[in-house]
Amino acid sequence: MRIINIIEQSSGVITNVTSFCIYEEQLSNEVVEKAEEFFKTQILKNEHFENVEDMEDVLQNALDNGHYEQENKNYYTIDFIWGELN
């Protein structure tokens, strides 16, 4: 079974962990999409963007890197981490 963990931190303290489990291979795309949407939603709850283009670039970079860190020194970070259970 594979797991996607979305881990949020504020000032180095874990404030939220949300996990998405992938039990069957045929469902994996659906679960990954849900995890990605949750990841982006959480970033948008904690960040304000001046325009849509900046927002889309930041969200895509965060997904590509599996990490987002707030630039304005509020010390909010969020990570998209894959794991596996045997």
N, C-alpha and C. Protein backbone atom coordinates (compact mmCIF):
# COMPACT_ATOMS: atom_id res chain seq x y z
N MET A 1 0.85 -1.16 0.00
CA MET A 1 0.00 0.00 0.00
C MET A 1 0.90 1.23 0.00
N ARG A 2 0.55 2.20 -0.82
CA ARG A 2 1.28 3.46 -0.86
C ARG A 2 0.47 4.53 -0.14
N ILE A 3 1.18 5.49 0.43
CA ILE A 3 0.54 6.56 1.19
C ILE A 3 1.13 7.89 0.74
N ILE A 4 0.27 8.88 0.62
CA ILE A 4 0.72 10.25 0.41
C ILE A 4 0.40 11.00 1.70
N ASN A 5 1.42 11.59 2.30
CA ASN A 5 1.24 12.40 3.50
C ASN A 5 1.42 13.87 3.15
N ILE A 6 0.47 14.67 3.56
CA ILE A 6 0.56 16.12 3.43
C ILE A 6 0.85 16.62 4.85
N ILE A 7 2.05 17.16 5.03
CA ILE A 7 2.48 17.57 6.36
C ILE A 7 2.65 19.08 6.39
N GLU A 8 1.92 19.73 7.31
CA GLU A 8 1.98 21.18 7.46
C GLU A 8 2.71 21.52 8.75
N GLN A 9 3.53 22.58 8.67
CA GLN A 9 4.28 23.05 9.83
C GLN A 9 4.17 24.56 9.95
N SER A 10 4.23 25.02 11.16
CA SER A 10 4.29 26.45 11.44
C SER A 10 5.40 26.66 12.45
N SER A 11 6.37 27.45 12.09
CA SER A 11 7.54 27.70 12.95
C SER A 11 8.21 26.41 13.39
N GLY A 12 8.27 25.43 12.49
CA GLY A 12 8.95 24.17 12.78
C GLY A 12 8.14 23.16 13.56
N VAL A 13 6.90 23.48 13.91
CA VAL A 13 6.04 22.57 14.66
C VAL A 13 4.99 22.00 13.71
N ILE A 14 4.86 20.68 13.68
CA ILE A 14 3.85 20.06 12.82
C ILE A 14 2.47 20.42 13.35
N THR A 15 1.67 21.01 12.46
CA THR A 15 0.33 21.44 12.85
C THR A 15 -0.76 20.56 12.25
N ASN A 16 -0.44 19.82 11.18
CA ASN A 16 -1.46 18.99 10.56
C ASN A 16 -0.78 17.93 9.69
N VAL A 17 -1.30 16.71 9.74
CA VAL A 17 -0.87 15.64 8.85
C VAL A 17 -2.13 15.03 8.28
N THR A 18 -2.21 15.01 6.96
CA THR A 18 -3.34 14.39 6.28
C THR A 18 -2.78 13.33 5.35
N SER A 19 -3.32 12.13 5.45
CA SER A 19 -2.80 11.00 4.65
C SER A 19 -3.84 10.52 3.66
N PHE A 20 -3.35 10.12 2.50
CA PHE A 20 -4.17 9.55 1.43
C PHE A 20 -3.59 8.18 1.11
N CYS A 21 -4.39 7.13 1.28
CA CYS A 21 -3.93 5.76 1.07
C CYS A 21 -4.33 5.26 -0.32
N ILE A 22 -3.41 4.57 -0.94
CA ILE A 22 -3.66 3.97 -2.25
C ILE A 22 -3.64 2.46 -2.06
N TYR A 23 -4.82 1.85 -2.11
CA TYR A 23 -4.95 0.42 -1.88
C TYR A 23 -4.87 -0.38 -3.18
N GLU A 24 -5.49 0.14 -4.23
CA GLU A 24 -5.55 -0.58 -5.49
C GLU A 24 -4.98 0.29 -6.60
N GLU A 25 -4.21 -0.32 -7.46
CA GLU A 25 -3.54 0.43 -8.53
C GLU A 25 -4.52 1.18 -9.43
N GLN A 26 -5.68 0.61 -9.69
CA GLN A 26 -6.62 1.28 -10.59
C GLN A 26 -7.19 2.56 -9.98
N LEU A 27 -7.10 2.73 -8.67
CA LEU A 27 -7.60 3.93 -8.02
C LEU A 27 -6.52 4.97 -7.79
N SER A 28 -5.28 4.66 -8.14
CA SER A 28 -4.16 5.52 -7.76
C SER A 28 -4.27 6.93 -8.35
N ASN A 29 -4.65 7.06 -9.61
CA ASN A 29 -4.75 8.40 -10.21
C ASN A 29 -5.77 9.26 -9.48
N GLU A 30 -6.88 8.68 -9.12
CA GLU A 30 -7.93 9.40 -8.41
C GLU A 30 -7.45 9.88 -7.04
N VAL A 31 -6.75 9.03 -6.32
CA VAL A 31 -6.25 9.38 -5.00
C VAL A 31 -5.17 10.46 -5.11
N VAL A 32 -4.28 10.33 -6.07
CA VAL A 32 -3.22 11.32 -6.26
C VAL A 32 -3.83 12.68 -6.59
N GLU A 33 -4.84 12.71 -7.44
CA GLU A 33 -5.51 13.97 -7.78
C GLU A 33 -6.14 14.61 -6.55
N LYS A 34 -6.77 13.81 -5.71
CA LYS A 34 -7.37 14.33 -4.47
C LYS A 34 -6.30 14.90 -3.55
N ALA A 35 -5.19 14.20 -3.43
CA ALA A 35 -4.09 14.66 -2.57
C ALA A 35 -3.50 15.96 -3.11
N GLU A 36 -3.32 16.05 -4.42
CA GLU A 36 -2.79 17.27 -5.03
C GLU A 36 -3.73 18.45 -4.83
N GLU A 37 -5.02 18.22 -4.98
CA GLU A 37 -5.99 19.29 -4.77
C GLU A 37 -5.99 19.75 -3.31
N PHE A 38 -5.92 18.82 -2.39
CA PHE A 38 -5.85 19.18 -0.97
C PHE A 38 -4.60 20.00 -0.69
N PHE A 39 -3.47 19.57 -1.22
CA PHE A 39 -2.19 20.27 -1.06
C PHE A 39 -2.31 21.72 -1.54
N LYS A 40 -2.87 21.90 -2.73
CA LYS A 40 -3.03 23.26 -3.28
C LYS A 40 -4.02 24.08 -2.46
N THR A 41 -5.10 23.47 -2.02
CA THR A 41 -6.10 24.17 -1.21
C THR A 41 -5.49 24.67 0.10
N GLN A 42 -4.66 23.85 0.72
CA GLN A 42 -4.04 24.26 1.97
C GLN A 42 -3.07 25.43 1.76
N ILE A 43 -2.36 25.43 0.67
CA ILE A 43 -1.48 26.56 0.36
C ILE A 43 -2.30 27.83 0.19
N LEU A 44 -3.40 27.72 -0.54
CA LEU A 44 -4.24 28.89 -0.79
C LEU A 44 -4.90 29.42 0.47
N LYS A 45 -5.13 28.56 1.46
CA LYS A 45 -5.69 29.01 2.74
C LYS A 45 -4.69 29.85 3.53
N ASN A 46 -3.41 29.64 3.26
CA ASN A 46 -2.36 30.28 4.05
C ASN A 46 -1.56 31.33 3.29
N GLU A 47 -1.92 31.60 2.06
CA GLU A 47 -1.15 32.54 1.24
C GLU A 47 -2.07 33.39 0.39
N HIS A 48 -1.68 34.64 0.20
CA HIS A 48 -2.44 35.55 -0.66
C HIS A 48 -1.59 35.85 -1.89
N PHE A 49 -2.19 35.77 -3.07
CA PHE A 49 -1.48 36.04 -4.31
C PHE A 49 -2.09 37.26 -4.99
N GLU A 50 -1.21 38.08 -5.55
CA GLU A 50 -1.65 39.31 -6.23
C GLU A 50 -2.38 39.01 -7.53
N ASN A 51 -1.94 37.98 -8.25
CA ASN A 51 -2.61 37.66 -9.52
C ASN A 51 -2.63 36.15 -9.74
N VAL A 52 -3.47 35.74 -10.66
CA VAL A 52 -3.69 34.32 -10.93
C VAL A 52 -2.44 33.65 -11.50
N GLU A 53 -1.70 34.37 -12.33
CA GLU A 53 -0.50 33.78 -12.94
C GLU A 53 0.54 33.42 -11.88
N ASP A 54 0.76 34.33 -10.92
CA ASP A 54 1.70 34.04 -9.84
C ASP A 54 1.23 32.84 -9.03
N MET A 55 -0.07 32.80 -8.74
CA MET A 55 -0.64 31.72 -7.97
C MET A 55 -0.43 30.38 -8.69
N GLU A 56 -0.72 30.33 -9.97
CA GLU A 56 -0.57 29.08 -10.72
C GLU A 56 0.88 28.63 -10.77
N ASP A 57 1.81 29.58 -10.94
CA ASP A 57 3.24 29.24 -10.96
C ASP A 57 3.69 28.68 -9.62
N VAL A 58 3.29 29.34 -8.55
CA VAL A 58 3.67 28.89 -7.20
C VAL A 58 3.11 27.51 -6.91
N LEU A 59 1.84 27.29 -7.24
CA LEU A 59 1.22 25.99 -6.97
C LEU A 59 1.88 24.89 -7.79
N GLN A 60 2.19 25.16 -9.06
CA GLN A 60 2.84 24.14 -9.89
C GLN A 60 4.24 23.84 -9.39
N ASN A 61 4.98 24.87 -9.01
CA ASN A 61 6.33 24.65 -8.45
C ASN A 61 6.27 23.85 -7.15
N ALA A 62 5.28 24.16 -6.31
CA ALA A 62 5.12 23.43 -5.05
C ALA A 62 4.84 21.95 -5.32
N LEU A 63 3.96 21.68 -6.27
CA LEU A 63 3.66 20.28 -6.62
C LEU A 63 4.88 19.59 -7.20
N ASP A 64 5.60 20.27 -8.09
CA ASP A 64 6.78 19.68 -8.71
C ASP A 64 7.85 19.34 -7.67
N ASN A 65 8.01 20.21 -6.68
CA ASN A 65 9.04 20.03 -5.65
C ASN A 65 8.55 19.25 -4.43
N GLY A 66 7.22 19.12 -4.29
CA GLY A 66 6.66 18.46 -3.11
C GLY A 66 6.84 19.28 -1.85
N HIS A 67 7.05 20.58 -2.01
CA HIS A 67 7.32 21.45 -0.86
C HIS A 67 6.91 22.88 -1.18
N TYR A 68 6.34 23.55 -0.17
CA TYR A 68 6.05 24.97 -0.27
C TYR A 68 6.43 25.63 1.05
N GLU A 69 7.08 26.77 0.94
CA GLU A 69 7.46 27.54 2.12
C GLU A 69 7.04 28.99 1.89
N GLN A 70 6.31 29.52 2.84
CA GLN A 70 5.81 30.88 2.74
C GLN A 70 6.98 31.87 2.71
N GLU A 71 6.92 32.81 1.79
CA GLU A 71 8.02 33.76 1.60
C GLU A 71 8.03 34.89 2.61
N ASN A 72 6.91 35.18 3.22
CA ASN A 72 6.83 36.37 4.08
C ASN A 72 7.24 36.10 5.53
N LYS A 73 8.01 35.04 5.73
CA LYS A 73 8.59 34.73 7.05
C LYS A 73 7.57 34.37 8.12
N ASN A 74 6.40 33.88 7.73
CA ASN A 74 5.45 33.36 8.72
C ASN A 74 5.79 31.92 9.09
N TYR A 75 6.78 31.37 8.42
CA TYR A 75 7.30 30.04 8.72
C TYR A 75 6.28 28.93 8.52
N TYR A 76 5.35 29.12 7.58
CA TYR A 76 4.42 28.06 7.21
C TYR A 76 5.06 27.25 6.09
N THR A 77 5.12 25.93 6.28
CA THR A 77 5.58 25.04 5.22
C THR A 77 4.60 23.90 5.08
N ILE A 78 4.58 23.33 3.88
CA ILE A 78 3.75 22.16 3.62
C ILE A 78 4.53 21.24 2.68
N ASP A 79 4.47 19.95 2.96
CA ASP A 79 5.20 18.97 2.16
C ASP A 79 4.27 17.88 1.66
N PHE A 80 4.54 17.41 0.46
CA PHE A 80 3.81 16.33 -0.20
C PHE A 80 4.78 15.15 -0.25
N ILE A 81 4.54 14.15 0.61
CA ILE A 81 5.53 13.07 0.79
C ILE A 81 4.90 11.71 0.49
N TRP A 82 5.57 10.97 -0.39
CA TRP A 82 5.15 9.61 -0.71
C TRP A 82 5.77 8.63 0.28
N GLY A 83 4.99 7.63 0.67
CA GLY A 83 5.49 6.58 1.54
C GLY A 83 4.92 5.24 1.12
N GLU A 84 5.44 4.17 1.71
CA GLU A 84 4.94 2.85 1.38
C GLU A 84 4.91 1.98 2.63
N LEU A 85 3.83 1.24 2.76
CA LEU A 85 3.69 0.28 3.86
C LEU A 85 3.72 -1.12 3.26
N ASN A 86 4.44 -1.99 3.90
CA ASN A 86 4.51 -3.39 3.40
C ASN A 86 3.61 -4.27 4.21
